[in-house]
C-alpha atoms as a PDB file:
ATOM      1  CA  MET A   1    -112.256  19.143  18.864  1.00  0.00           C
ATOM      2  CA  THR A   2    -111.328  16.377  15.782  1.00  0.00           C
ATOM      3  CA  ARG A   3    -109.581  13.184  17.127  1.00  0.00           C
ATOM      4  CA  ASN A   4    -107.277  10.944  15.065  1.00  0.00           C
ATOM      5  CA  PRO A   5    -108.577   7.606  14.440  1.00  0.00           C
ATOM      6  CA  PRO A   6    -107.237   5.398  16.498  1.00  0.00           C
ATOM      7  CA  PRO A   7    -103.931   3.196  15.105  1.00  0.00           C
ATOM      8  CA  GLU A   8    -104.124   0.538  12.908  1.00  0.00           C
ATOM      9  CA  HIS A   9    -103.068  -3.082  15.176  1.00  0.00           C
ATOM     10  CA  THR A  10    -100.925  -5.978  13.845  1.00  0.00           C
ATOM     11  CA  SER A  11    -103.202  -8.691  13.280  1.00  0.00           C
ATOM     12  CA  ASP A  12    -101.684 -10.304  16.865  1.00  0.00           C
ATOM     13  CA  GLY A  13    -102.772  -6.997  18.356  1.00  0.00           C
ATOM     14  CA  HIS A  14     -99.296  -6.737  19.695  1.00  0.00           C
ATOM     15  CA  TYR A  15     -98.318  -3.672  17.940  1.00  0.00           C
ATOM     16  CA  VAL A  16     -99.698  -0.649  16.445  1.00  0.00           C
ATOM     17  CA  LEU A  17     -98.585   0.881  13.090  1.00  0.00           C
ATOM     18  CA  ILE A  18     -97.899   4.382  12.948  1.00  0.00           C
ATOM     19  CA  ASP A  19     -96.085   6.114   9.899  1.00  0.00           C
ATOM     20  CA  GLY A  20     -95.165   2.714   8.900  1.00  0.00           C
ATOM     21  CA  ARG A  21     -93.503   2.006  12.145  1.00  0.00           C
ATOM     22  CA  ARG A  22     -94.457  -0.808  14.415  1.00  0.00           C
ATOM     23  CA  TRP A  23     -94.897   0.218  18.339  1.00  0.00           C
ATOM     24  CA  ARG A  24     -95.802  -2.077  21.206  1.00  0.00           C
ATOM     25  CA  ALA A  25     -99.254  -1.725  21.671  1.00  0.00           C
ATOM     26  CA  THR A  26    -100.799  -0.679  25.450  1.00  0.00           C
ATOM     27  CA  ASP A  27    -101.993  -3.802  27.589  1.00  0.00           C
ATOM     28  CA  PRO A  28    -105.558  -4.087  26.016  1.00  0.00           C
ATOM     29  CA  ASP A  29    -106.150  -5.699  29.476  1.00  0.00           C
ATOM     30  CA  LEU A  30    -105.248  -2.850  31.436  1.00  0.00           C
ATOM     31  CA  PRO A  31    -108.494  -1.283  33.486  1.00  0.00           C
ATOM     32  CA  ALA A  32    -109.805   2.131  31.827  1.00  0.00           C
ATOM     33  CA  GLU A  33    -109.059   3.920  34.977  1.00  0.00           C
ATOM     34  CA  ALA A  34    -105.459   2.886  35.347  1.00  0.00           C
ATOM     35  CA  ALA A  35    -104.667   3.477  31.445  1.00  0.00           C
ATOM     36  CA  ALA A  36    -105.960   7.197  31.766  1.00  0.00           C
ATOM     37  CA  ARG A  37    -104.018   7.861  35.039  1.00  0.00           C
ATOM     38  CA  LEU A  38    -100.970   6.084  33.506  1.00  0.00           C
ATOM     39  CA  ARG A  39    -101.599   8.235  30.376  1.00  0.00           C
ATOM     40  CA  ALA A  40    -101.585  11.364  32.150  1.00  0.00           C
ATOM     41  CA  HIS A  41     -98.416  10.873  34.033  1.00  0.00           C
ATOM     42  CA  LEU A  42     -96.956   9.936  30.763  1.00  0.00           C
ATOM     43  CA  MET A  43     -97.855  12.994  29.429  1.00  0.00           C
ATOM     44  CA  ALA A  44     -97.071  15.098  32.158  1.00  0.00           C
ATOM     45  CA  ALA A  45     -93.622  13.531  32.079  1.00  0.00           C
ATOM     46  CA  ARG A  46     -93.129  14.071  28.469  1.00  0.00           C
ATOM     47  CA  ARG A  47     -94.099  17.762  28.974  1.00  0.00           C
ATOM     48  CA  ALA A  48     -91.473  17.716  32.080  1.00  0.00           C
ATOM     49  CA  VAL A  49     -88.690  16.447  29.555  1.00  0.00           C
ATOM     50  CA  GLY A  50     -89.457  19.506  27.499  1.00  0.00           C
ATOM     51  CA  ALA A  51     -89.470  21.871  30.263  1.00  0.00           C
ATOM     52  CA  ALA A  52     -86.005  20.527  31.570  1.00  0.00           C
ATOM     53  CA  LEU A  53     -84.543  20.430  28.066  1.00  0.00           C
ATOM     54  CA  ARG A  54     -85.411  24.444  27.334  1.00  0.00           C
ATOM     55  CA  ALA A  55     -83.952  25.037  31.329  1.00  0.00           C
ATOM     56  CA  HIS A  56     -80.877  23.128  30.475  1.00  0.00           C
ATOM     57  CA  ASP A  57     -81.560  21.113  33.605  1.00  0.00           C
ATOM     58  CA  GLU A  58     -79.818  17.672  33.304  1.00  0.00           C
ATOM     59  CA  GLY A  59     -81.221  16.489  36.721  1.00  0.00           C
ATOM     60  CA  ALA A  60     -84.700  17.486  36.077  1.00  0.00           C
ATOM     61  CA  GLU A  61     -84.542  15.764  32.427  1.00  0.00           C
ATOM     62  CA  ARG A  62     -82.920  12.550  33.613  1.00  0.00           C
ATOM     63  CA  ASP A  63     -86.084  12.541  36.460  1.00  0.00           C
ATOM     64  CA  ALA A  64     -88.572  12.964  33.816  1.00  0.00           C
ATOM     65  CA  ARG A  65     -87.738  10.739  31.518  1.00  0.00           C
ATOM     66  CA  GLY A  66     -87.472   7.917  34.287  1.00  0.00           C
ATOM     67  CA  ARG A  67     -90.804   8.769  34.382  1.00  0.00           C
ATOM     68  CA  VAL A  68     -91.678   8.542  31.035  1.00  0.00           C
ATOM     69  CA  HIS A  69     -90.259   5.061  31.378  1.00  0.00           C
ATOM     70  CA  THR A  70     -91.935   3.814  34.172  1.00  0.00           C
ATOM     71  CA  ALA A  71     -95.555   4.930  32.699  1.00  0.00           C
ATOM     72  CA  LYS A  72     -94.496   3.353  29.344  1.00  0.00           C
ATOM     73  CA  VAL A  73     -93.504   0.015  31.021  1.00  0.00           C
ATOM     74  CA  ALA A  74     -96.666   0.097  33.356  1.00  0.00           C
ATOM     75  CA  LEU A  75     -98.458   0.709  30.035  1.00  0.00           C
ATOM     76  CA  GLY A  76     -96.920  -2.578  28.629  1.00  0.00           C
ATOM     77  CA  GLU A  77     -95.322  -0.408  25.950  1.00  0.00           C
ATOM     78  CA  ARG A  78     -91.723  -1.425  27.182  1.00  0.00           C
ATOM     79  CA  GLY A  79     -89.929  -4.435  29.268  1.00  0.00           C
ATOM     80  CA  THR A  80     -91.309  -7.836  29.271  1.00  0.00           C
ATOM     81  CA  PRO A  81     -94.065  -8.103  26.389  1.00  0.00           C
ATOM     82  CA  TRP A  82     -97.497  -8.290  28.000  1.00  0.00           C
ATOM     83  CA  TRP A  83     -98.520 -11.088  26.080  1.00  0.00           C
ATOM     84  CA  GLU A  84     -95.577 -13.010  27.795  1.00  0.00           C
ATOM     85  CA  GLN A  85     -96.844 -12.195  31.419  1.00  0.00           C
ATOM     86  CA  THR A  86     -99.386 -13.831  33.370  1.00  0.00           C
ATOM     87  CA  ASP A  87    -102.323 -12.043  34.754  1.00  0.00           C
ATOM     88  CA  ALA A  88    -100.874 -11.564  38.133  1.00  0.00           C
ATOM     89  CA  GLU A  89     -97.739 -10.299  36.328  1.00  0.00           C
ATOM     90  CA  ARG A  90     -99.600  -8.008  34.232  1.00  0.00           C
ATOM     91  CA  ARG A  91    -101.604  -6.726  37.162  1.00  0.00           C
ATOM     92  CA  ALA A  92     -98.602  -6.022  39.329  1.00  0.00           C
ATOM     93  CA  ARG A  93     -96.520  -4.528  36.699  1.00  0.00           C
ATOM     94  CA  TRP A  94     -99.671  -1.485  35.800  1.00  0.00           C
ATOM     95  CA  LEU A  95    -100.201  -1.311  39.889  1.00  0.00           C
ATOM     96  CA  ASP A  96     -96.339  -1.176  40.658  1.00  0.00           C
ATOM     97  CA  GLY A  97     -95.998   1.742  37.915  1.00  0.00           C
ATOM     98  CA  LEU A  98     -98.921   3.514  39.027  1.00  0.00           C
ATOM     99  CA  ALA A  99     -97.623   3.642  42.874  1.00  0.00           C
ATOM    100  CA  ALA A 100     -94.247   4.470  41.807  1.00  0.00           C
ATOM    101  CA  LEU A 101     -95.710   7.578  39.581  1.00  0.00           C
ATOM    102  CA  ASP A 102     -98.547   8.512  42.554  1.00  0.00           C
ATOM    103  CA  GLU A 103     -95.771   8.914  44.987  1.00  0.00           C
ATOM    104  CA  ASN A 104     -93.422  10.563  42.788  1.00  0.00           C
ATOM    105  CA  ARG A 105     -95.898  13.361  41.227  1.00  0.00           C
ATOM    106  CA  ASP A 106     -99.295  13.567  40.477  1.00  0.00           C
ATOM    107  CA  PRO A 107    -100.737  14.227  37.010  1.00  0.00           C
ATOM    108  CA  PRO A 108    -102.365  17.778  36.268  1.00  0.00           C
END
């Protein structure tokens, strides 16, 4: 399997550049194991959004989009910018996100 190279980052490291657009970068201080679990939850939730759309199930879509948002916040890609948070706030952000996502649904 061929992997794409990692995206280019802005000079401050706060954003990645993808197809000319800036997207907030994942918190670089996130422990690798936590980041992997959060990405697994994110991808499962994105698949669930697609399944809900195909099934025309608004409730399932709303739930899946909520899980996408929770994972993105925990990764530091949404919400208060990770570079504006203290170390304790950053740790609480990803721990709270993992707790909420683990409670809701295990990743595949």
